[in-house]
PDB file of N, CA and C in Angstrom:
ATOM      1  N   MET A   1      -7.019  -0.209   3.441  1.00  0.00           N
ATOM      2  CA  MET A   1      -5.802  -0.957   3.543  1.00  0.00           C
ATOM      3  C   MET A   1      -5.462  -1.224   4.999  1.00  0.00           C
ATOM      4  N   ARG A   2      -5.607  -0.260   5.853  1.00  0.00           N
ATOM      5  CA  ARG A   2      -5.265  -0.441   7.250  1.00  0.00           C
ATOM      6  C   ARG A   2      -6.126  -1.518   7.892  1.00  0.00           C
ATOM      7  N   LYS A   3      -7.417  -1.564   7.559  1.00  0.00           N
ATOM      8  CA  LYS A   3      -8.330  -2.524   8.158  1.00  0.00           C
ATOM      9  C   LYS A   3      -7.921  -3.946   7.804  1.00  0.00           C
ATOM     10  N   ILE A   4      -7.486  -4.171   6.572  1.00  0.00           N
ATOM     11  CA  ILE A   4      -7.088  -5.508   6.155  1.00  0.00           C
ATOM     12  C   ILE A   4      -5.878  -5.966   6.947  1.00  0.00           C
ATOM     13  N   VAL A   5      -4.880  -5.115   7.090  1.00  0.00           N
ATOM     14  CA  VAL A   5      -3.692  -5.471   7.857  1.00  0.00           C
ATOM     15  C   VAL A   5      -4.083  -5.720   9.309  1.00  0.00           C
ATOM     16  N   PHE A   6      -4.963  -4.899   9.866  1.00  0.00           N
ATOM     17  CA  PHE A   6      -5.418  -5.061  11.240  1.00  0.00           C
ATOM     18  C   PHE A   6      -6.136  -6.393  11.398  1.00  0.00           C
ATOM     19  N   ASP A   7      -6.979  -6.768  10.437  1.00  0.00           N
ATOM     20  CA  ASP A   7      -7.692  -8.041  10.511  1.00  0.00           C
ATOM     21  C   ASP A   7      -6.735  -9.220  10.438  1.00  0.00           C
ATOM     22  N   VAL A   8      -5.696  -9.133   9.621  1.00  0.00           N
ATOM     23  CA  VAL A   8      -4.710 -10.204   9.543  1.00  0.00           C
ATOM     24  C   VAL A   8      -4.004 -10.354  10.880  1.00  0.00           C
ATOM     25  N   LYS A   9      -3.646  -9.245  11.503  1.00  0.00           N
ATOM     26  CA  LYS A   9      -2.982  -9.313  12.806  1.00  0.00           C
ATOM     27  C   LYS A   9      -3.923  -9.894  13.859  1.00  0.00           C
ATOM     28  N   ASN A  10      -5.191  -9.511  13.830  1.00  0.00           N
ATOM     29  CA  ASN A  10      -6.146 -10.051  14.794  1.00  0.00           C
ATOM     30  C   ASN A  10      -6.339 -11.549  14.612  1.00  0.00           C
ATOM     31  N   VAL A  11      -6.410 -12.017  13.383  1.00  0.00           N
ATOM     32  CA  VAL A  11      -6.571 -13.446  13.134  1.00  0.00           C
ATOM     33  C   VAL A  11      -5.391 -14.200  13.714  1.00  0.00           C
ATOM     34  N   TYR A  12      -4.198 -13.672  13.519  1.00  0.00           N
ATOM     35  CA  TYR A  12      -3.026 -14.340  14.057  1.00  0.00           C
ATOM     36  C   TYR A  12      -3.050 -14.342  15.585  1.00  0.00           C
ATOM     37  N   SER A  13      -3.327 -13.216  16.198  1.00  0.00           N
ATOM     38  CA  SER A  13      -3.240 -13.128  17.651  1.00  0.00           C
ATOM     39  C   SER A  13      -4.335 -13.930  18.344  1.00  0.00           C
ATOM     40  N   THR A  14      -5.501 -14.085  17.728  1.00  0.00           N
ATOM     41  CA  THR A  14      -6.558 -14.861  18.364  1.00  0.00           C
ATOM     42  C   THR A  14      -6.500 -16.328  17.974  1.00  0.00           C
ATOM     43  N   GLY A  15      -5.882 -16.663  16.851  1.00  0.00           N
ATOM     44  CA  GLY A  15      -5.872 -18.035  16.367  1.00  0.00           C
ATOM     45  C   GLY A  15      -4.739 -18.880  16.905  1.00  0.00           C
ATOM     46  N   ARG A  16      -3.712 -18.291  17.429  1.00  0.00           N
ATOM     47  CA  ARG A  16      -2.562 -19.049  17.939  1.00  0.00           C
ATOM     48  C   ARG A  16      -2.169 -18.523  19.314  1.00  0.00           C
ATOM     49  N   GLU A  17      -1.449 -19.341  20.041  1.00  0.00           N
ATOM     50  CA  GLU A  17      -0.996 -18.910  21.363  1.00  0.00           C
ATOM     51  C   GLU A  17       0.048 -17.808  21.208  1.00  0.00           C
ATOM     52  N   GLN A  18       0.119 -16.938  22.191  1.00  0.00           N
ATOM     53  CA  GLN A  18       1.010 -15.788  22.108  1.00  0.00           C
ATOM     54  C   GLN A  18       2.486 -16.186  22.138  1.00  0.00           C
ATOM     55  N   ASN A  19       2.854 -17.288  22.816  1.00  0.00           N
ATOM     56  CA  ASN A  19       4.269 -17.630  22.944  1.00  0.00           C
ATOM     57  C   ASN A  19       4.820 -18.336  21.706  1.00  0.00           C
ATOM     58  N   LYS A  20       3.975 -18.716  20.759  1.00  0.00           N
ATOM     59  CA  LYS A  20       4.431 -19.360  19.539  1.00  0.00           C
ATOM     60  C   LYS A  20       4.655 -18.301  18.462  1.00  0.00           C
ATOM     61  N   GLY A  21       5.558 -18.575  17.564  1.00  0.00           N
ATOM     62  CA  GLY A  21       5.823 -17.656  16.462  1.00  0.00           C
ATOM     63  C   GLY A  21       4.754 -17.772  15.388  1.00  0.00           C
ATOM     64  N   PRO A  22       4.790 -16.889  14.424  1.00  0.00           N
ATOM     65  CA  PRO A  22       3.788 -16.938  13.352  1.00  0.00           C
ATOM     66  C   PRO A  22       3.969 -18.186  12.492  1.00  0.00           C
ATOM     67  N   SER A  23       2.869 -18.732  12.014  1.00  0.00           N
ATOM     68  CA  SER A  23       2.934 -19.910  11.164  1.00  0.00           C
ATOM     69  C   SER A  23       3.465 -19.527   9.788  1.00  0.00           C
ATOM     70  N   GLU A  24       3.874 -20.539   9.031  1.00  0.00           N
ATOM     71  CA  GLU A  24       4.375 -20.272   7.687  1.00  0.00           C
ATOM     72  C   GLU A  24       3.271 -19.714   6.809  1.00  0.00           C
ATOM     73  N   GLU A  25       2.059 -20.220   6.976  1.00  0.00           N
ATOM     74  CA  GLU A  25       0.934 -19.741   6.166  1.00  0.00           C
ATOM     75  C   GLU A  25       0.663 -18.269   6.440  1.00  0.00           C
ATOM     76  N   TRP A  26       0.671 -17.883   7.708  1.00  0.00           N
ATOM     77  CA  TRP A  26       0.414 -16.481   8.062  1.00  0.00           C
ATOM     78  C   TRP A  26       1.509 -15.587   7.496  1.00  0.00           C
ATOM     79  N   THR A  27       2.768 -16.027   7.601  1.00  0.00           N
ATOM     80  CA  THR A  27       3.892 -15.265   7.068  1.00  0.00           C
ATOM     81  C   THR A  27       3.775 -15.125   5.552  1.00  0.00           C
ATOM     82  N   ARG A  28       3.383 -16.204   4.870  1.00  0.00           N
ATOM     83  CA  ARG A  28       3.230 -16.174   3.413  1.00  0.00           C
ATOM     84  C   ARG A  28       2.103 -15.220   3.011  1.00  0.00           C
ATOM     85  N   GLU A  29       0.990 -15.249   3.745  1.00  0.00           N
ATOM     86  CA  GLU A  29      -0.127 -14.344   3.444  1.00  0.00           C
ATOM     87  C   GLU A  29       0.288 -12.885   3.621  1.00  0.00           C
ATOM     88  N   LYS A  30       1.009 -12.606   4.688  1.00  0.00           N
ATOM     89  CA  LYS A  30       1.458 -11.234   4.932  1.00  0.00           C
ATOM     90  C   LYS A  30       2.442 -10.792   3.858  1.00  0.00           C
ATOM     91  N   ARG A  31       3.323 -11.688   3.431  1.00  0.00           N
ATOM     92  CA  ARG A  31       4.277 -11.368   2.370  1.00  0.00           C
ATOM     93  C   ARG A  31       3.543 -11.091   1.062  1.00  0.00           C
ATOM     94  N   ASN A  32       2.539 -11.911   0.735  1.00  0.00           N
ATOM     95  CA  ASN A  32       1.761 -11.699  -0.486  1.00  0.00           C
ATOM     96  C   ASN A  32       1.029 -10.366  -0.447  1.00  0.00           C
ATOM     97  N   PHE A  33       0.490 -10.017   0.709  1.00  0.00           N
ATOM     98  CA  PHE A  33      -0.191  -8.732   0.847  1.00  0.00           C
ATOM     99  C   PHE A  33       0.793  -7.583   0.666  1.00  0.00           C
ATOM    100  N   ALA A  34       2.001  -7.732   1.197  1.00  0.00           N
ATOM    101  CA  ALA A  34       3.025  -6.694   1.045  1.00  0.00           C
ATOM    102  C   ALA A  34       3.411  -6.529  -0.419  1.00  0.00           C
ATOM    103  N   LEU A  35       3.578  -7.642  -1.131  1.00  0.00           N
ATOM    104  CA  LEU A  35       3.932  -7.561  -2.547  1.00  0.00           C
ATOM    105  C   LEU A  35       2.815  -6.926  -3.360  1.00  0.00           C
ATOM    106  N   LYS A  36       1.575  -7.210  -3.006  1.00  0.00           N
ATOM    107  CA  LYS A  36       0.442  -6.598  -3.694  1.00  0.00           C
ATOM    108  C   LYS A  36       0.427  -5.089  -3.453  1.00  0.00           C
ATOM    109  N   THR A  37       0.721  -4.670  -2.236  1.00  0.00           N
ATOM    110  CA  THR A  37       0.775  -3.244  -1.911  1.00  0.00           C
ATOM    111  C   THR A  37       1.872  -2.550  -2.703  1.00  0.00           C
ATOM    112  N   ILE A  38       3.030  -3.182  -2.794  1.00  0.00           N
ATOM    113  CA  ILE A  38       4.145  -2.614  -3.560  1.00  0.00           C
ATOM    114  C   ILE A  38       3.758  -2.482  -5.033  1.00  0.00           C
ATOM    115  N   ASN A  39       3.127  -3.505  -5.576  1.00  0.00           N
ATOM    116  CA  ASN A  39       2.717  -3.475  -6.979  1.00  0.00           C
ATOM    117  C   ASN A  39       1.702  -2.365  -7.229  1.00  0.00           C
ATOM    118  N   ASN A  40       0.723  -2.210  -6.338  1.00  0.00           N
ATOM    119  CA  ASN A  40      -0.276  -1.153  -6.490  1.00  0.00           C
ATOM    120  C   ASN A  40       0.364   0.232  -6.443  1.00  0.00           C
ATOM    121  N   ALA A  41       1.314   0.419  -5.550  1.00  0.00           N
ATOM    122  CA  ALA A  41       2.002   1.707  -5.461  1.00  0.00           C
ATOM    123  C   ALA A  41       2.802   1.981  -6.733  1.00  0.00           C
ATOM    124  N   LYS A  42       3.411   0.948  -7.293  1.00  0.00           N
ATOM    125  CA  LYS A  42       4.173   1.110  -8.530  1.00  0.00           C
ATOM    126  C   LYS A  42       3.252   1.525  -9.675  1.00  0.00           C
ATOM    127  N   ILE A  43       2.097   0.898  -9.776  1.00  0.00           N
ATOM    128  CA  ILE A  43       1.140   1.233 -10.837  1.00  0.00           C
ATOM    129  C   ILE A  43       0.664   2.673 -10.685  1.00  0.00           C
ATOM    130  N   LEU A  44       0.354   3.075  -9.469  1.00  0.00           N
ATOM    131  CA  LEU A  44      -0.083   4.451  -9.242  1.00  0.00           C
ATOM    132  C   LEU A  44       1.021   5.452  -9.570  1.00  0.00           C
ATOM    133  N   THR A  45       2.247   5.116  -9.228  1.00  0.00           N
ATOM    134  CA  THR A  45       3.372   6.005  -9.524  1.00  0.00           C
ATOM    135  C   THR A  45       3.551   6.177 -11.028  1.00  0.00           C
ATOM    136  N   GLU A  46       3.429   5.083 -11.777  1.00  0.00           N
ATOM    137  CA  GLU A  46       3.532   5.166 -13.239  1.00  0.00           C
ATOM    138  C   GLU A  46       2.411   6.023 -13.815  1.00  0.00           C
ATOM    139  N   ALA A  47       1.205   5.870 -13.284  1.00  0.00           N
ATOM    140  CA  ALA A  47       0.067   6.661 -13.767  1.00  0.00           C
ATOM    141  C   ALA A  47       0.291   8.145 -13.499  1.00  0.00           C
ATOM    142  N   VAL A  48       0.792   8.477 -12.324  1.00  0.00           N
ATOM    143  CA  VAL A  48       1.052   9.878 -11.988  1.00  0.00           C
ATOM    144  C   VAL A  48       2.097  10.479 -12.913  1.00  0.00           C
ATOM    145  N   SER A  49       3.130   9.718 -13.232  1.00  0.00           N
ATOM    146  CA  SER A  49       4.164  10.260 -14.125  1.00  0.00           C
ATOM    147  C   SER A  49       3.588  10.540 -15.513  1.00  0.00           C
ATOM    148  N   LYS A  50       2.702   9.677 -15.998  1.00  0.00           N
ATOM    149  CA  LYS A  50       2.061   9.930 -17.293  1.00  0.00           C
ATOM    150  C   LYS A  50       1.138  11.137 -17.214  1.00  0.00           C
ATOM    151  N   PHE A  51       0.398  11.252 -16.113  1.00  0.00           N
ATOM    152  CA  PHE A  51      -0.478  12.414 -15.931  1.00  0.00           C
ATOM    153  C   PHE A  51       0.324  13.709 -15.911  1.00  0.00           C
ATOM    154  N   LYS A  52       1.481  13.685 -15.254  1.00  0.00           N
ATOM    155  CA  LYS A  52       2.316  14.884 -15.176  1.00  0.00           C
ATOM    156  C   LYS A  52       2.821  15.289 -16.554  1.00  0.00           C
ATOM    157  N   ASN A  53       3.165  14.296 -17.387  1.00  0.00           N
ATOM    158  CA  ASN A  53       3.607  14.601 -18.756  1.00  0.00           C
ATOM    159  C   ASN A  53       2.486  15.270 -19.543  1.00  0.00           C
ATOM    160  N   VAL A  54       1.273  14.767 -19.392  1.00  0.00           N
ATOM    161  CA  VAL A  54       0.126  15.354 -20.092  1.00  0.00           C
ATOM    162  C   VAL A  54      -0.164  16.743 -19.540  1.00  0.00           C
ATOM    163  N   ALA A  55      -0.065  16.907 -18.214  1.00  0.00           N
ATOM    164  CA  ALA A  55      -0.363  18.199 -17.586  1.00  0.00           C
ATOM    165  C   ALA A  55       0.635  19.279 -18.019  1.00  0.00           C
ATOM    166  N   GLU A  56       1.871  18.891 -18.301  1.00  0.00           N
ATOM    167  CA  GLU A  56       2.853  19.868 -18.768  1.00  0.00           C
ATOM    168  C   GLU A  56       2.472  20.424 -20.137  1.00  0.00           C
ATOM    169  N   LYS A  57       1.946  19.565 -21.001  1.00  0.00           N
ATOM    170  CA  LYS A  57       1.563  19.996 -22.349  1.00  0.00           C
ATOM    171  C   LYS A  57       0.237  20.750 -22.353  1.00  0.00           C
ATOM    172  N   ASN A  58      -0.713  20.271 -21.568  1.00  0.00           N
ATOM    173  CA  ASN A  58      -2.047  20.882 -21.490  1.00  0.00           C
ATOM    174  C   ASN A  58      -2.416  21.124 -20.029  1.00  0.00           C
ATOM    175  N   PRO A  59      -2.063  22.264 -19.485  1.00  0.00           N
ATOM    176  CA  PRO A  59      -2.372  22.532 -18.072  1.00  0.00           C
ATOM    177  C   PRO A  59      -3.888  22.493 -17.832  1.00  0.00           C
ATOM    178  N   ASP A  60      -4.270  21.738 -16.833  1.00  0.00           N
ATOM    179  CA  ASP A  60      -5.684  21.587 -16.484  1.00  0.00           C
ATOM    180  C   ASP A  60      -5.761  21.442 -14.967  1.00  0.00           C
ATOM    181  N   THR A  61      -6.572  22.269 -14.326  1.00  0.00           N
ATOM    182  CA  THR A  61      -6.651  22.229 -12.865  1.00  0.00           C
ATOM    183  C   THR A  61      -7.239  20.914 -12.365  1.00  0.00           C
ATOM    184  N   ALA A  62      -8.179  20.343 -13.102  1.00  0.00           N
ATOM    185  CA  ALA A  62      -8.766  19.070 -12.667  1.00  0.00           C
ATOM    186  C   ALA A  62      -7.722  17.961 -12.685  1.00  0.00           C
ATOM    187  N   LEU A  63      -6.880  17.962 -13.706  1.00  0.00           N
ATOM    188  CA  LEU A  63      -5.822  16.957 -13.795  1.00  0.00           C
ATOM    189  C   LEU A  63      -4.785  17.163 -12.702  1.00  0.00           C
ATOM    190  N   GLU A  64      -4.448  18.411 -12.426  1.00  0.00           N
ATOM    191  CA  GLU A  64      -3.489  18.696 -11.361  1.00  0.00           C
ATOM    192  C   GLU A  64      -4.033  18.285  -9.991  1.00  0.00           C
ATOM    193  N   GLU A  65      -5.318  18.477  -9.764  1.00  0.00           N
ATOM    194  CA  GLU A  65      -5.935  18.047  -8.504  1.00  0.00           C
ATOM    195  C   GLU A  65      -5.912  16.530  -8.391  1.00  0.00           C
ATOM    196  N   ALA A  66      -6.168  15.843  -9.502  1.00  0.00           N
ATOM    197  CA  ALA A  66      -6.125  14.379  -9.497  1.00  0.00           C
ATOM    198  C   ALA A  66      -4.721  13.878  -9.186  1.00  0.00           C
ATOM    199  N   ILE A  67      -3.723  14.542  -9.755  1.00  0.00           N
ATOM    200  CA  ILE A  67      -2.335  14.170  -9.493  1.00  0.00           C
ATOM    201  C   ILE A  67      -2.013  14.336  -8.006  1.00  0.00           C
ATOM    202  N   GLU A  68      -2.440  15.426  -7.410  1.00  0.00           N
ATOM    203  CA  GLU A  68      -2.196  15.658  -5.981  1.00  0.00           C
ATOM    204  C   GLU A  68      -2.863  14.588  -5.119  1.00  0.00           C
ATOM    205  N   LYS A  69      -4.086  14.212  -5.478  1.00  0.00           N
ATOM    206  CA  LYS A  69      -4.799  13.186  -4.714  1.00  0.00           C
ATOM    207  C   LYS A  69      -4.093  11.838  -4.810  1.00  0.00           C
ATOM    208  N   ILE A  70      -3.671  11.478  -6.014  1.00  0.00           N
ATOM    209  CA  ILE A  70      -2.975  10.198  -6.191  1.00  0.00           C
ATOM    210  C   ILE A  70      -1.638  10.215  -5.464  1.00  0.00           C
ATOM    211  N   ASP A  71      -0.935  11.338  -5.513  1.00  0.00           N
ATOM    212  CA  ASP A  71       0.324  11.462  -4.772  1.00  0.00           C
ATOM    213  C   ASP A  71       0.105  11.265  -3.274  1.00  0.00           C
ATOM    214  N   SER A  72      -0.982  11.818  -2.748  1.00  0.00           N
ATOM    215  CA  SER A  72      -1.255  11.654  -1.313  1.00  0.00           C
ATOM    216  C   SER A  72      -1.588  10.206  -0.975  1.00  0.00           C
ATOM    217  N   VAL A  73      -2.279   9.509  -1.868  1.00  0.00           N
ATOM    218  CA  VAL A  73      -2.581   8.090  -1.640  1.00  0.00           C
ATOM    219  C   VAL A  73      -1.295   7.271  -1.650  1.00  0.00           C
ATOM    220  N   ILE A  74      -0.405   7.558  -2.585  1.00  0.00           N
ATOM    221  CA  ILE A  74       0.868   6.845  -2.661  1.00  0.00           C
ATOM    222  C   ILE A  74       1.673   7.066  -1.383  1.00  0.00           C
ATOM    223  N   GLU A  75       1.693   8.299  -0.906  1.00  0.00           N
ATOM    224  CA  GLU A  75       2.441   8.595   0.322  1.00  0.00           C
ATOM    225  C   GLU A  75       1.829   7.871   1.523  1.00  0.00           C
ATOM    226  N   GLU A  76       0.509   7.810   1.585  1.00  0.00           N
ATOM    227  CA  GLU A  76      -0.157   7.091   2.673  1.00  0.00           C
ATOM    228  C   GLU A  76       0.162   5.597   2.606  1.00  0.00           C
ATOM    229  N   MET A  77       0.195   5.038   1.404  1.00  0.00           N
ATOM    230  CA  MET A  77       0.556   3.628   1.245  1.00  0.00           C
ATOM    231  C   MET A  77       1.991   3.390   1.707  1.00  0.00           C
ATOM    232  N   ARG A  78       2.876   4.318   1.397  1.00  0.00           N
ATOM    233  CA  ARG A  78       4.280   4.203   1.790  1.00  0.00           C
ATOM    234  C   ARG A  78       4.411   4.215   3.323  1.00  0.00           C
ATOM    235  N   VAL A  79       3.693   5.124   3.968  1.00  0.00           N
ATOM    236  CA  VAL A  79       3.742   5.223   5.428  1.00  0.00           C
ATOM    237  C   VAL A  79       3.159   3.970   6.072  1.00  0.00           C
ATOM    238  N   ASP A  80       2.016   3.500   5.567  1.00  0.00           N
ATOM    239  CA  ASP A  80       1.396   2.283   6.096  1.00  0.00           C
ATOM    240  C   ASP A  80       2.314   1.088   5.931  1.00  0.00           C
ATOM    241  N   PHE A  81       2.980   1.006   4.799  1.00  0.00           N
ATOM    242  CA  PHE A  81       3.887  -0.112   4.543  1.00  0.00           C
ATOM    243  C   PHE A  81       5.029  -0.102   5.546  1.00  0.00           C
ATOM    244  N   LYS A  82       5.612   1.056   5.783  1.00  0.00           N
ATOM    245  CA  LYS A  82       6.725   1.151   6.728  1.00  0.00           C
ATOM    246  C   LYS A  82       6.290   0.794   8.152  1.00  0.00           C
ATOM    247  N   LYS A  83       5.027   1.110   8.499  1.00  0.00           N
ATOM    248  CA  LYS A  83       4.537   0.785   9.835  1.00  0.00           C
ATOM    249  C   LYS A  83       4.330  -0.715  10.013  1.00  0.00           C
ATOM    250  N   ASN A  84       3.876  -1.392   8.957  1.00  0.00           N
ATOM    251  CA  ASN A  84       3.426  -2.770   9.092  1.00  0.00           C
ATOM    252  C   ASN A  84       4.423  -3.836   8.647  1.00  0.00           C
ATOM    253  N   TYR A  85       5.454  -3.445   7.938  1.00  0.00           N
ATOM    254  CA  TYR A  85       6.391  -4.443   7.411  1.00  0.00           C
ATOM    255  C   TYR A  85       7.818  -4.059   7.700  1.00  0.00           C
ATOM    256  N   VAL A  86       8.639  -5.077   7.938  1.00  0.00           N
ATOM    257  CA  VAL A  86      10.061  -4.875   8.165  1.00  0.00           C
ATOM    258  C   VAL A  86      10.786  -5.337   6.913  1.00  0.00           C
ATOM    259  N   LEU A  87      11.638  -4.488   6.383  1.00  0.00           N
ATOM    260  CA  LEU A  87      12.364  -4.848   5.166  1.00  0.00           C
ATOM    261  C   LEU A  87      13.594  -5.652   5.498  1.00  0.00           C
TER     262      LEU A  87
END
């Protein structure tokens, strides 16, 4: 995820002069990427909540490890989003 955002920023900085603002197309692409990131995080969050419900009924260490990994990915996405986008 970080590489894609970095590549978008590089395309903008090398493709246009520094004193001009971002083009509408570049802004639209960045907005679409942000919405896709939000949607992916929402899907992962829903999956984790379902996994947690199953884990409560049938405790399984493999499932608990998977939940922890997905939680860490969601948190990383949240941090990356805050770094790269202004709300």
